[in-house]
PDB file of N, CA and C in Angstrom:
ATOM      1  N   MET A   1      11.931  -9.434  14.827  1.00  0.00           N
ATOM      2  CA  MET A   1      10.520  -9.567  15.126  1.00  0.00           C
ATOM      3  C   MET A   1      10.184 -11.031  15.390  1.00  0.00           C
ATOM      4  N   ALA A   2       9.452 -11.233  16.438  1.00  0.00           N
ATOM      5  CA  ALA A   2       8.948 -12.570  16.743  1.00  0.00           C
ATOM      6  C   ALA A   2       7.504 -12.654  16.262  1.00  0.00           C
ATOM      7  N   TYR A   3       7.090 -13.816  15.859  1.00  0.00           N
ATOM      8  CA  TYR A   3       5.742 -14.010  15.327  1.00  0.00           C
ATOM      9  C   TYR A   3       4.981 -14.932  16.266  1.00  0.00           C
ATOM     10  N   PHE A   4       4.064 -14.349  17.069  1.00  0.00           N
ATOM     11  CA  PHE A   4       3.248 -15.108  18.010  1.00  0.00           C
ATOM     12  C   PHE A   4       1.787 -14.962  17.620  1.00  0.00           C
ATOM     13  N   LEU A   5       1.115 -16.057  17.386  1.00  0.00           N
ATOM     14  CA  LEU A   5      -0.335 -16.070  17.182  1.00  0.00           C
ATOM     15  C   LEU A   5      -0.794 -14.989  16.206  1.00  0.00           C
ATOM     16  N   ASN A   6      -0.211 -14.999  15.011  1.00  0.00           N
ATOM     17  CA  ASN A   6      -0.549 -14.084  13.923  1.00  0.00           C
ATOM     18  C   ASN A   6      -0.271 -12.625  14.252  1.00  0.00           C
ATOM     19  N   THR A   7       0.695 -12.356  15.120  1.00  0.00           N
ATOM     20  CA  THR A   7       1.050 -10.997  15.500  1.00  0.00           C
ATOM     21  C   THR A   7       2.567 -10.861  15.527  1.00  0.00           C
ATOM     22  N   ASN A   8       3.069  -9.805  14.903  1.00  0.00           N
ATOM     23  CA  ASN A   8       4.494  -9.513  14.974  1.00  0.00           C
ATOM     24  C   ASN A   8       4.783  -8.742  16.247  1.00  0.00           C
ATOM     25  N   ILE A   9       5.757  -9.216  17.010  1.00  0.00           N
ATOM     26  CA  ILE A   9       6.117  -8.588  18.274  1.00  0.00           C
ATOM     27  C   ILE A   9       7.602  -8.239  18.220  1.00  0.00           C
ATOM     28  N   PRO A  10       7.975  -6.999  18.566  1.00  0.00           N
ATOM     29  CA  PRO A  10       9.397  -6.632  18.565  1.00  0.00           C
ATOM     30  C   PRO A  10      10.196  -7.470  19.562  1.00  0.00           C
ATOM     31  N   ASN A  11      11.392  -7.882  19.179  1.00  0.00           N
ATOM     32  CA  ASN A  11      12.224  -8.756  20.011  1.00  0.00           C
ATOM     33  C   ASN A  11      12.703  -8.090  21.289  1.00  0.00           C
ATOM     34  N   LYS A  12      12.960  -6.797  21.253  1.00  0.00           N
ATOM     35  CA  LYS A  12      13.563  -6.133  22.398  1.00  0.00           C
ATOM     36  C   LYS A  12      12.551  -5.723  23.457  1.00  0.00           C
ATOM     37  N   GLN A  13      11.286  -5.975  23.215  1.00  0.00           N
ATOM     38  CA  GLN A  13      10.250  -5.578  24.165  1.00  0.00           C
ATOM     39  C   GLN A  13      10.150  -6.579  25.309  1.00  0.00           C
ATOM     40  N   LYS A  14       9.834  -6.052  26.505  1.00  0.00           N
ATOM     41  CA  LYS A  14       9.624  -6.934  27.646  1.00  0.00           C
ATOM     42  C   LYS A  14       8.360  -7.739  27.416  1.00  0.00           C
ATOM     43  N   ILE A  15       8.338  -8.948  27.940  1.00  0.00           N
ATOM     44  CA  ILE A  15       7.223  -9.866  27.677  1.00  0.00           C
ATOM     45  C   ILE A  15       5.914  -9.324  28.240  1.00  0.00           C
ATOM     46  N   LYS A  16       6.010  -8.600  29.344  1.00  0.00           N
ATOM     47  CA  LYS A  16       4.820  -8.021  29.977  1.00  0.00           C
ATOM     48  C   LYS A  16       4.131  -7.028  29.040  1.00  0.00           C
ATOM     49  N   PHE A  17       4.912  -6.300  28.250  1.00  0.00           N
ATOM     50  CA  PHE A  17       4.353  -5.301  27.346  1.00  0.00           C
ATOM     51  C   PHE A  17       4.203  -5.818  25.923  1.00  0.00           C
ATOM     52  N   ALA A  18       4.810  -6.954  25.633  1.00  0.00           N
ATOM     53  CA  ALA A  18       4.722  -7.518  24.289  1.00  0.00           C
ATOM     54  C   ALA A  18       3.445  -8.332  24.099  1.00  0.00           C
ATOM     55  N   LEU A  19       3.049  -9.081  25.127  1.00  0.00           N
ATOM     56  CA  LEU A  19       1.854  -9.927  24.994  1.00  0.00           C
ATOM     57  C   LEU A  19       0.572  -9.134  24.748  1.00  0.00           C
ATOM     58  N   PRO A  20       0.395  -7.934  25.346  1.00  0.00           N
ATOM     59  CA  PRO A  20      -0.834  -7.188  25.044  1.00  0.00           C
ATOM     60  C   PRO A  20      -0.959  -6.730  23.596  1.00  0.00           C
ATOM     61  N   GLN A  21       0.076  -6.858  22.792  1.00  0.00           N
ATOM     62  CA  GLN A  21      -0.052  -6.529  21.381  1.00  0.00           C
ATOM     63  C   GLN A  21      -0.856  -7.581  20.625  1.00  0.00           C
ATOM     64  N   ILE A  22      -1.020  -8.747  21.216  1.00  0.00           N
ATOM     65  CA  ILE A  22      -1.884  -9.772  20.639  1.00  0.00           C
ATOM     66  C   ILE A  22      -3.321  -9.367  20.941  1.00  0.00           C
ATOM     67  N   TYR A  23      -4.155  -9.303  19.916  1.00  0.00           N
ATOM     68  CA  TYR A  23      -5.529  -8.844  20.070  1.00  0.00           C
ATOM     69  C   TYR A  23      -6.293  -9.784  20.996  1.00  0.00           C
ATOM     70  N   GLY A  24      -6.776  -9.241  22.115  1.00  0.00           N
ATOM     71  CA  GLY A  24      -7.536 -10.037  23.065  1.00  0.00           C
ATOM     72  C   GLY A  24      -6.808 -10.291  24.369  1.00  0.00           C
ATOM     73  N   ILE A  25      -5.532  -9.910  24.449  1.00  0.00           N
ATOM     74  CA  ILE A  25      -4.762 -10.061  25.690  1.00  0.00           C
ATOM     75  C   ILE A  25      -4.424  -8.669  26.198  1.00  0.00           C
ATOM     76  N   GLY A  26      -4.808  -8.395  27.419  1.00  0.00           N
ATOM     77  CA  GLY A  26      -4.512  -7.116  28.033  1.00  0.00           C
ATOM     78  C   GLY A  26      -3.317  -7.214  28.964  1.00  0.00           C
ATOM     79  N   LEU A  27      -3.016  -6.123  29.642  1.00  0.00           N
ATOM     80  CA  LEU A  27      -1.857  -6.077  30.519  1.00  0.00           C
ATOM     81  C   LEU A  27      -2.016  -7.000  31.719  1.00  0.00           C
ATOM     82  N   SER A  28      -3.195  -7.013  32.320  1.00  0.00           N
ATOM     83  CA  SER A  28      -3.395  -7.876  33.483  1.00  0.00           C
ATOM     84  C   SER A  28      -3.362  -9.348  33.088  1.00  0.00           C
ATOM     85  N   GLN A  29      -3.920  -9.680  31.932  1.00  0.00           N
ATOM     86  CA  GLN A  29      -3.885 -11.068  31.458  1.00  0.00           C
ATOM     87  C   GLN A  29      -2.449 -11.481  31.138  1.00  0.00           C
ATOM     88  N   ALA A  30      -1.657 -10.554  30.609  1.00  0.00           N
ATOM     89  CA  ALA A  30      -0.254 -10.848  30.315  1.00  0.00           C
ATOM     90  C   ALA A  30       0.518 -11.124  31.608  1.00  0.00           C
ATOM     91  N   GLN A  31       0.217 -10.369  32.664  1.00  0.00           N
ATOM     92  CA  GLN A  31       0.869 -10.604  33.950  1.00  0.00           C
ATOM     93  C   GLN A  31       0.506 -11.981  34.501  1.00  0.00           C
ATOM     94  N   LYS A  32      -0.760 -12.369  34.373  1.00  0.00           N
ATOM     95  CA  LYS A  32      -1.183 -13.687  34.842  1.00  0.00           C
ATOM     96  C   LYS A  32      -0.476 -14.806  34.073  1.00  0.00           C
ATOM     97  N   ILE A  33      -0.336 -14.621  32.770  1.00  0.00           N
ATOM     98  CA  ILE A  33       0.336 -15.622  31.945  1.00  0.00           C
ATOM     99  C   ILE A  33       1.799 -15.734  32.348  1.00  0.00           C
ATOM    100  N   CYS A  34       2.449 -14.593  32.591  1.00  0.00           N
ATOM    101  CA  CYS A  34       3.857 -14.603  33.009  1.00  0.00           C
ATOM    102  C   CYS A  34       4.024 -15.311  34.347  1.00  0.00           C
ATOM    103  N   GLN A  35       3.104 -15.061  35.267  1.00  0.00           N
ATOM    104  CA  GLN A  35       3.187 -15.705  36.577  1.00  0.00           C
ATOM    105  C   GLN A  35       2.963 -17.207  36.465  1.00  0.00           C
ATOM    106  N   SER A  36       2.003 -17.619  35.652  1.00  0.00           N
ATOM    107  CA  SER A  36       1.726 -19.048  35.532  1.00  0.00           C
ATOM    108  C   SER A  36       2.869 -19.784  34.838  1.00  0.00           C
ATOM    109  N   MET A  37       3.574 -19.110  33.933  1.00  0.00           N
ATOM    110  CA  MET A  37       4.704 -19.716  33.245  1.00  0.00           C
ATOM    111  C   MET A  37       5.985 -19.642  34.067  1.00  0.00           C
ATOM    112  N   GLY A  38       5.996 -18.793  35.099  1.00  0.00           N
ATOM    113  CA  GLY A  38       7.189 -18.645  35.919  1.00  0.00           C
ATOM    114  C   GLY A  38       8.221 -17.705  35.321  1.00  0.00           C
ATOM    115  N   PHE A  39       7.784 -16.844  34.383  1.00  0.00           N
ATOM    116  CA  PHE A  39       8.687 -15.878  33.767  1.00  0.00           C
ATOM    117  C   PHE A  39       8.732 -14.618  34.607  1.00  0.00           C
ATOM    118  N   SER A  40       9.903 -13.970  34.621  1.00  0.00           N
ATOM    119  CA  SER A  40      10.000 -12.632  35.187  1.00  0.00           C
ATOM    120  C   SER A  40       9.345 -11.686  34.191  1.00  0.00           C
ATOM    121  N   GLU A  41       8.721 -10.632  34.697  1.00  0.00           N
ATOM    122  CA  GLU A  41       8.070  -9.686  33.791  1.00  0.00           C
ATOM    123  C   GLU A  41       9.088  -8.851  33.031  1.00  0.00           C
ATOM    124  N   ASN A  42      10.356  -8.885  33.474  1.00  0.00           N
ATOM    125  CA  ASN A  42      11.396  -8.085  32.834  1.00  0.00           C
ATOM    126  C   ASN A  42      12.136  -8.831  31.732  1.00  0.00           C
ATOM    127  N   ILE A  43      11.824 -10.099  31.522  1.00  0.00           N
ATOM    128  CA  ILE A  43      12.484 -10.874  30.469  1.00  0.00           C
ATOM    129  C   ILE A  43      12.007 -10.353  29.116  1.00  0.00           C
ATOM    130  N   ARG A  44      12.918 -10.335  28.174  1.00  0.00           N
ATOM    131  CA  ARG A  44      12.589  -9.818  26.847  1.00  0.00           C
ATOM    132  C   ARG A  44      12.317 -10.986  25.894  1.00  0.00           C
ATOM    133  N   ILE A  45      11.650 -10.670  24.807  1.00  0.00           N
ATOM    134  CA  ILE A  45      11.213 -11.708  23.868  1.00  0.00           C
ATOM    135  C   ILE A  45      12.400 -12.476  23.286  1.00  0.00           C
ATOM    136  N   PHE A  46      13.472 -11.778  22.940  1.00  0.00           N
ATOM    137  CA  PHE A  46      14.604 -12.471  22.318  1.00  0.00           C
ATOM    138  C   PHE A  46      15.345 -13.370  23.302  1.00  0.00           C
ATOM    139  N   GLU A  47      15.107 -13.202  24.605  1.00  0.00           N
ATOM    140  CA  GLU A  47      15.756 -14.043  25.603  1.00  0.00           C
ATOM    141  C   GLU A  47      15.050 -15.388  25.796  1.00  0.00           C
ATOM    142  N   LEU A  48      13.855 -15.528  25.248  1.00  0.00           N
ATOM    143  CA  LEU A  48      13.122 -16.782  25.361  1.00  0.00           C
ATOM    144  C   LEU A  48      13.702 -17.821  24.403  1.00  0.00           C
ATOM    145  N   THR A  49      13.826 -19.040  24.873  1.00  0.00           N
ATOM    146  CA  THR A  49      14.263 -20.118  23.994  1.00  0.00           C
ATOM    147  C   THR A  49      13.072 -20.584  23.155  1.00  0.00           C
ATOM    148  N   LYS A  50      13.345 -21.393  22.153  1.00  0.00           N
ATOM    149  CA  LYS A  50      12.267 -21.921  21.305  1.00  0.00           C
ATOM    150  C   LYS A  50      11.276 -22.743  22.119  1.00  0.00           C
ATOM    151  N   ILE A  51      11.784 -23.520  23.065  1.00  0.00           N
ATOM    152  CA  ILE A  51      10.915 -24.355  23.899  1.00  0.00           C
ATOM    153  C   ILE A  51      10.006 -23.478  24.754  1.00  0.00           C
ATOM    154  N   GLN A  52      10.580 -22.391  25.311  1.00  0.00           N
ATOM    155  CA  GLN A  52       9.774 -21.478  26.118  1.00  0.00           C
ATOM    156  C   GLN A  52       8.723 -20.778  25.266  1.00  0.00           C
ATOM    157  N   GLN A  53       9.081 -20.432  24.046  1.00  0.00           N
ATOM    158  CA  GLN A  53       8.119 -19.788  23.157  1.00  0.00           C
ATOM    159  C   GLN A  53       6.955 -20.729  22.834  1.00  0.00           C
ATOM    160  N   ILE A  54       7.267 -21.980  22.576  1.00  0.00           N
ATOM    161  CA  ILE A  54       6.220 -22.966  22.275  1.00  0.00           C
ATOM    162  C   ILE A  54       5.322 -23.173  23.487  1.00  0.00           C
ATOM    163  N   LYS A  55       5.934 -23.272  24.682  1.00  0.00           N
ATOM    164  CA  LYS A  55       5.138 -23.423  25.900  1.00  0.00           C
ATOM    165  C   LYS A  55       4.257 -22.207  26.152  1.00  0.00           C
ATOM    166  N   LEU A  56       4.777 -21.021  25.841  1.00  0.00           N
ATOM    167  CA  LEU A  56       4.002 -19.791  26.016  1.00  0.00           C
ATOM    168  C   LEU A  56       2.781 -19.786  25.099  1.00  0.00           C
ATOM    169  N   ILE A  57       2.983 -20.177  23.854  1.00  0.00           N
ATOM    170  CA  ILE A  57       1.868 -20.225  22.906  1.00  0.00           C
ATOM    171  C   ILE A  57       0.840 -21.266  23.340  1.00  0.00           C
ATOM    172  N   ARG A  58       1.292 -22.425  23.793  1.00  0.00           N
ATOM    173  CA  ARG A  58       0.357 -23.464  24.276  1.00  0.00           C
ATOM    174  C   ARG A  58      -0.408 -22.994  25.500  1.00  0.00           C
ATOM    175  N   GLN A  59       0.274 -22.253  26.397  1.00  0.00           N
ATOM    176  CA  GLN A  59      -0.377 -21.729  27.600  1.00  0.00           C
ATOM    177  C   GLN A  59      -1.492 -20.750  27.219  1.00  0.00           C
ATOM    178  N   ILE A  60      -1.220 -19.883  26.257  1.00  0.00           N
ATOM    179  CA  ILE A  60      -2.226 -18.908  25.820  1.00  0.00           C
ATOM    180  C   ILE A  60      -3.399 -19.621  25.162  1.00  0.00           C
ATOM    181  N   GLU A  61      -3.116 -20.599  24.308  1.00  0.00           N
ATOM    182  CA  GLU A  61      -4.183 -21.313  23.613  1.00  0.00           C
ATOM    183  C   GLU A  61      -5.017 -22.157  24.562  1.00  0.00           C
ATOM    184  N   SER A  62      -4.378 -22.738  25.587  1.00  0.00           N
ATOM    185  CA  SER A  62      -5.121 -23.597  26.509  1.00  0.00           C
ATOM    186  C   SER A  62      -5.855 -22.814  27.601  1.00  0.00           C
ATOM    187  N   SER A  63      -5.606 -21.519  27.685  1.00  0.00           N
ATOM    188  CA  SER A  63      -6.249 -20.721  28.732  1.00  0.00           C
ATOM    189  C   SER A  63      -7.727 -20.455  28.434  1.00  0.00           C
ATOM    190  N   GLY A  64      -8.152 -20.735  27.225  1.00  0.00           N
ATOM    191  CA  GLY A  64      -9.559 -20.564  26.894  1.00  0.00           C
ATOM    192  C   GLY A  64      -9.912 -19.141  26.486  1.00  0.00           C
ATOM    193  N   LEU A  65      -8.926 -18.309  26.249  1.00  0.00           N
ATOM    194  CA  LEU A  65      -9.178 -16.932  25.827  1.00  0.00           C
ATOM    195  C   LEU A  65      -9.516 -16.893  24.345  1.00  0.00           C
ATOM    196  N   LEU A  66     -10.437 -16.034  23.985  1.00  0.00           N
ATOM    197  CA  LEU A  66     -10.667 -15.765  22.575  1.00  0.00           C
ATOM    198  C   LEU A  66      -9.667 -14.698  22.178  1.00  0.00           C
ATOM    199  N   ILE A  67      -8.851 -14.978  21.181  1.00  0.00           N
ATOM    200  CA  ILE A  67      -7.841 -14.018  20.754  1.00  0.00           C
ATOM    201  C   ILE A  67      -7.839 -13.909  19.240  1.00  0.00           C
ATOM    202  N   GLY A  68      -7.369 -12.784  18.755  1.00  0.00           N
ATOM    203  CA  GLY A  68      -7.186 -12.574  17.324  1.00  0.00           C
ATOM    204  C   GLY A  68      -8.486 -12.571  16.548  1.00  0.00           C
ATOM    205  N   SER A  69      -8.483 -13.282  15.445  1.00  0.00           N
ATOM    206  CA  SER A  69      -9.628 -13.281  14.537  1.00  0.00           C
ATOM    207  C   SER A  69     -10.851 -13.956  15.160  1.00  0.00           C
ATOM    208  N   ASP A  70     -10.632 -14.907  16.078  1.00  0.00           N
ATOM    209  CA  ASP A  70     -11.772 -15.543  16.747  1.00  0.00           C
ATOM    210  C   ASP A  70     -12.549 -14.527  17.574  1.00  0.00           C
ATOM    211  N   LEU A  71     -11.832 -13.670  18.288  1.00  0.00           N
ATOM    212  CA  LEU A  71     -12.477 -12.640  19.101  1.00  0.00           C
ATOM    213  C   LEU A  71     -13.184 -11.621  18.228  1.00  0.00           C
ATOM    214  N   LYS A  72     -12.555 -11.222  17.137  1.00  0.00           N
ATOM    215  CA  LYS A  72     -13.183 -10.266  16.217  1.00  0.00           C
ATOM    216  C   LYS A  72     -14.463 -10.850  15.637  1.00  0.00           C
ATOM    217  N   ARG A  73     -14.418 -12.139  15.270  1.00  0.00           N
ATOM    218  CA  ARG A  73     -15.597 -12.795  14.708  1.00  0.00           C
ATOM    219  C   ARG A  73     -16.717 -12.882  15.744  1.00  0.00           C
ATOM    220  N   ALA A  74     -16.366 -13.198  16.995  1.00  0.00           N
ATOM    221  CA  ALA A  74     -17.373 -13.319  18.049  1.00  0.00           C
ATOM    222  C   ALA A  74     -18.037 -11.978  18.350  1.00  0.00           C
ATOM    223  N   THR A  75     -17.267 -10.897  18.376  1.00  0.00           N
ATOM    224  CA  THR A  75     -17.867  -9.583  18.637  1.00  0.00           C
ATOM    225  C   THR A  75     -18.754  -9.150  17.477  1.00  0.00           C
ATOM    226  N   LYS A  76     -18.342  -9.469  16.254  1.00  0.00           N
ATOM    227  CA  LYS A  76     -19.170  -9.107  15.090  1.00  0.00           C
ATOM    228  C   LYS A  76     -20.496  -9.878  15.117  1.00  0.00           C
ATOM    229  N   ILE A  77     -20.439 -11.164  15.467  1.00  0.00           N
ATOM    230  CA  ILE A  77     -21.656 -11.969  15.567  1.00  0.00           C
ATOM    231  C   ILE A  77     -22.567 -11.413  16.654  1.00  0.00           C
ATOM    232  N   TYR A  78     -21.974 -11.012  17.789  1.00  0.00           N
ATOM    233  CA  TYR A  78     -22.757 -10.462  18.896  1.00  0.00           C
ATOM    234  C   TYR A  78     -23.442  -9.162  18.484  1.00  0.00           C
ATOM    235  N   LYS A  79     -22.735  -8.306  17.753  1.00  0.00           N
ATOM    236  CA  LYS A  79     -23.334  -7.039  17.320  1.00  0.00           C
ATOM    237  C   LYS A  79     -24.444  -7.268  16.307  1.00  0.00           C
ATOM    238  N   THR A  80     -24.251  -8.215  15.391  1.00  0.00           N
ATOM    239  CA  THR A  80     -25.308  -8.483  14.413  1.00  0.00           C
ATOM    240  C   THR A  80     -26.516  -9.123  15.080  1.00  0.00           C
ATOM    241  N   LYS A  81     -26.278  -9.896  16.142  1.00  0.00           N
ATOM    242  CA  LYS A  81     -27.395 -10.482  16.887  1.00  0.00           C
ATOM    243  C   LYS A  81     -28.216  -9.391  17.553  1.00  0.00           C
ATOM    244  N   LEU A  82     -27.540  -8.404  18.156  1.00  0.00           N
ATOM    245  CA  LEU A  82     -28.243  -7.287  18.781  1.00  0.00           C
ATOM    246  C   LEU A  82     -29.068  -6.523  17.754  1.00  0.00           C
ATOM    247  N   LEU A  83     -28.528  -6.372  16.566  1.00  0.00           N
ATOM    248  CA  LEU A  83     -29.238  -5.653  15.517  1.00  0.00           C
ATOM    249  C   LEU A  83     -30.416  -6.471  14.986  1.00  0.00           C
ATOM    250  N   SER A  84     -30.237  -7.790  14.887  1.00  0.00           N
ATOM    251  CA  SER A  84     -31.302  -8.622  14.322  1.00  0.00           C
ATOM    252  C   SER A  84     -32.520  -8.729  15.242  1.00  0.00           C
ATOM    253  N   ILE A  85     -32.317  -8.627  16.553  1.00  0.00           N
ATOM    254  CA  ILE A  85     -33.459  -8.694  17.467  1.00  0.00           C
ATOM    255  C   ILE A  85     -34.023  -7.307  17.762  1.00  0.00           C
ATOM    256  N   HIS A  86     -33.510  -6.306  17.059  1.00  0.00           N
ATOM    257  CA  HIS A  86     -33.986  -4.924  17.169  1.00  0.00           C
ATOM    258  C   HIS A  86     -33.904  -4.390  18.597  1.00  0.00           C
ATOM    259  N   SER A  87     -32.788  -4.709  19.257  1.00  0.00           N
ATOM    260  CA  SER A  87     -32.603  -4.173  20.604  1.00  0.00           C
ATOM    261  C   SER A  87     -32.171  -2.717  20.504  1.00  0.00           C
ATOM    262  N   TYR A  88     -32.320  -2.010  21.604  1.00  0.00           N
ATOM    263  CA  TYR A  88     -31.955  -0.602  21.661  1.00  0.00           C
ATOM    264  C   TYR A  88     -30.465  -0.430  21.352  1.00  0.00           C
ATOM    265  N   ARG A  89     -29.640  -1.283  21.947  1.00  0.00           N
ATOM    266  CA  ARG A  89     -28.199  -1.188  21.732  1.00  0.00           C
ATOM    267  C   ARG A  89     -27.834  -1.457  20.274  1.00  0.00           C
ATOM    268  N   GLY A  90     -28.511  -2.401  19.641  1.00  0.00           N
ATOM    269  CA  GLY A  90     -28.229  -2.711  18.251  1.00  0.00           C
ATOM    270  C   GLY A  90     -28.592  -1.577  17.325  1.00  0.00           C
ATOM    271  N   ILE A  91     -29.741  -0.953  17.577  1.00  0.00           N
ATOM    272  CA  ILE A  91     -30.193   0.150  16.742  1.00  0.00           C
ATOM    273  C   ILE A  91     -29.277   1.359  16.905  1.00  0.00           C
ATOM    274  N   ARG A  92     -28.925   1.675  18.157  1.00  0.00           N
ATOM    275  CA  ARG A  92     -28.030   2.808  18.407  1.00  0.00           C
ATOM    276  C   ARG A  92     -26.659   2.558  17.781  1.00  0.00           C
ATOM    277  N   SER A  93     -26.205   1.333  17.825  1.00  0.00           N
ATOM    278  CA  SER A  93     -24.917   0.992  17.235  1.00  0.00           C
ATOM    279  C   SER A  93     -24.965   1.180  15.721  1.00  0.00           C
ATOM    280  N   LYS A  94     -26.045   0.773  15.106  1.00  0.00           N
ATOM    281  CA  LYS A  94     -26.211   0.905  13.655  1.00  0.00           C
ATOM    282  C   LYS A  94     -26.259   2.370  13.235  1.00  0.00           C
ATOM    283  N   GLN A  95     -26.916   3.197  14.059  1.00  0.00           N
ATOM    284  CA  GLN A  95     -27.028   4.619  13.745  1.00  0.00           C
ATOM    285  C   GLN A  95     -25.744   5.381  14.045  1.00  0.00           C
ATOM    286  N   GLY A  96     -24.853   4.778  14.828  1.00  0.00           N
ATOM    287  CA  GLY A  96     -23.601   5.436  15.146  1.00  0.00           C
ATOM    288  C   GLY A  96     -23.684   6.342  16.352  1.00  0.00           C
ATOM    289  N   PHE A  97     -24.700   6.178  17.171  1.00  0.00           N
ATOM    290  CA  PHE A  97     -24.865   6.992  18.367  1.00  0.00           C
ATOM    291  C   PHE A  97     -24.301   6.271  19.580  1.00  0.00           C
ATOM    292  N   PRO A  98     -24.092   7.002  20.692  1.00  0.00           N
ATOM    293  CA  PRO A  98     -23.624   6.351  21.916  1.00  0.00           C
ATOM    294  C   PRO A  98     -24.611   5.298  22.387  1.00  0.00           C
ATOM    295  N   ILE A  99     -24.097   4.179  22.855  1.00  0.00           N
ATOM    296  CA  ILE A  99     -24.938   3.038  23.199  1.00  0.00           C
ATOM    297  C   ILE A  99     -25.282   3.003  24.674  1.00  0.00           C
ATOM    298  N   ARG A 100     -24.374   3.439  25.511  1.00  0.00           N
ATOM    299  CA  ARG A 100     -24.516   3.229  26.945  1.00  0.00           C
ATOM    300  C   ARG A 100     -25.007   4.441  27.716  1.00  0.00           C
ATOM    301  N   GLY A 101     -25.862   5.245  27.111  1.00  0.00           N
ATOM    302  CA  GLY A 101     -26.527   6.308  27.836  1.00  0.00           C
ATOM    303  C   GLY A 101     -25.806   7.634  27.873  1.00  0.00           C
ATOM    304  N   GLN A 102     -24.731   7.797  27.112  1.00  0.00           N
ATOM    305  CA  GLN A 102     -24.051   9.073  27.110  1.00  0.00           C
ATOM    306  C   GLN A 102     -24.912  10.123  26.411  1.00  0.00           C
ATOM    307  N   ARG A 103     -24.627  11.370  26.698  1.00  0.00           N
ATOM    308  CA  ARG A 103     -25.391  12.439  26.051  1.00  0.00           C
ATOM    309  C   ARG A 103     -24.958  12.577  24.597  1.00  0.00           C
ATOM    310  N   THR A 104     -25.882  13.026  23.767  1.00  0.00           N
ATOM    311  CA  THR A 104     -25.576  13.156  22.350  1.00  0.00           C
ATOM    312  C   THR A 104     -25.426  14.604  21.926  1.00  0.00           C
ATOM    313  N   HIS A 105     -25.733  15.540  22.812  1.00  0.00           N
ATOM    314  CA  HIS A 105     -25.654  16.949  22.439  1.00  0.00           C
ATOM    315  C   HIS A 105     -24.225  17.346  22.089  1.00  0.00           C
ATOM    316  N   THR A 106     -23.260  16.862  22.849  1.00  0.00           N
ATOM    317  CA  THR A 106     -21.876  17.275  22.603  1.00  0.00           C
ATOM    318  C   THR A 106     -20.970  16.162  22.110  1.00  0.00           C
ATOM    319  N   ASN A 107     -21.298  14.906  22.307  1.00  0.00           N
ATOM    320  CA  ASN A 107     -20.346  13.872  21.906  1.00  0.00           C
ATOM    321  C   ASN A 107     -20.852  12.983  20.788  1.00  0.00           C
ATOM    322  N   SER A 108     -21.812  13.405  20.059  1.00  0.00           N
ATOM    323  CA  SER A 108     -22.299  12.597  18.959  1.00  0.00           C
ATOM    324  C   SER A 108     -21.225  12.420  17.892  1.00  0.00           C
ATOM    325  N   LYS A 109     -20.436  13.464  17.672  1.00  0.00           N
ATOM    326  CA  LYS A 109     -19.364  13.367  16.678  1.00  0.00           C
ATOM    327  C   LYS A 109     -18.336  12.323  17.089  1.00  0.00           C
ATOM    328  N   THR A 110     -17.999  12.284  18.371  1.00  0.00           N
ATOM    329  CA  THR A 110     -17.031  11.316  18.869  1.00  0.00           C
ATOM    330  C   THR A 110     -17.549   9.897  18.697  1.00  0.00           C
ATOM    331  N   ALA A 111     -18.820   9.686  18.999  1.00  0.00           N
ATOM    332  CA  ALA A 111     -19.401   8.350  18.869  1.00  0.00           C
ATOM    333  C   ALA A 111     -19.410   7.905  17.412  1.00  0.00           C
ATOM    334  N   LYS A 112     -19.645   8.835  16.501  1.00  0.00           N
ATOM    335  CA  LYS A 112     -19.671   8.467  15.092  1.00  0.00           C
ATOM    336  C   LYS A 112     -18.278   8.134  14.570  1.00  0.00           C
ATOM    337  N   LYS A 113     -17.233   8.700  15.204  1.00  0.00           N
ATOM    338  CA  LYS A 113     -15.867   8.361  14.815  1.00  0.00           C
ATOM    339  C   LYS A 113     -15.562   6.899  15.102  1.00  0.00           C
ATOM    340  N   PHE A 114     -16.111   6.395  16.211  1.00  0.00           N
ATOM    341  CA  PHE A 114     -15.823   5.043  16.641  1.00  0.00           C
ATOM    342  C   PHE A 114     -16.875   4.057  16.185  1.00  0.00           C
ATOM    343  N   LYS A 115     -17.631   4.394  15.176  1.00  0.00           N
ATOM    344  CA  LYS A 115     -18.684   3.525  14.653  1.00  0.00           C
ATOM    345  C   LYS A 115     -18.064   2.254  14.080  1.00  0.00           C
ATOM    346  N   ASN A 116     -18.559   1.087  14.509  1.00  0.00           N
ATOM    347  CA  ASN A 116     -17.975  -0.181  14.092  1.00  0.00           C
ATOM    348  C   ASN A 116     -18.788  -0.888  13.030  1.00  0.00           C
ATOM    349  N   LEU A 117     -20.081  -0.735  13.027  1.00  0.00           N
ATOM    350  CA  LEU A 117     -20.891  -1.460  12.045  1.00  0.00           C
ATOM    351  C   LEU A 117     -21.039  -0.707  10.765  1.00  0.00           C
TER     352      LEU A 117
END
């Protein structure tokens, strides 16, 4: 297991599919990072040298992305802000109902499963 930015990543995984395991990096962002670093998308984590690993971490940190606990903290602050100003989205989020206009007759149970606040 490799340890990148507070995330354990399996060594045998391709870098294209390993980077999205870091919270806040998706598949398209991982492809962009691989292209900017000059890595093939088929290279595996254990094939990276220590220098390449350090450069990869610096590239991710310097890209300006919110990742990991910083992203979680920012989304929590944003949700509490919506709730504090009594916006429609904040109230619906607090009640556990769909926020973006979905019907509640049949999917209210699903929305309550994904309740975050």
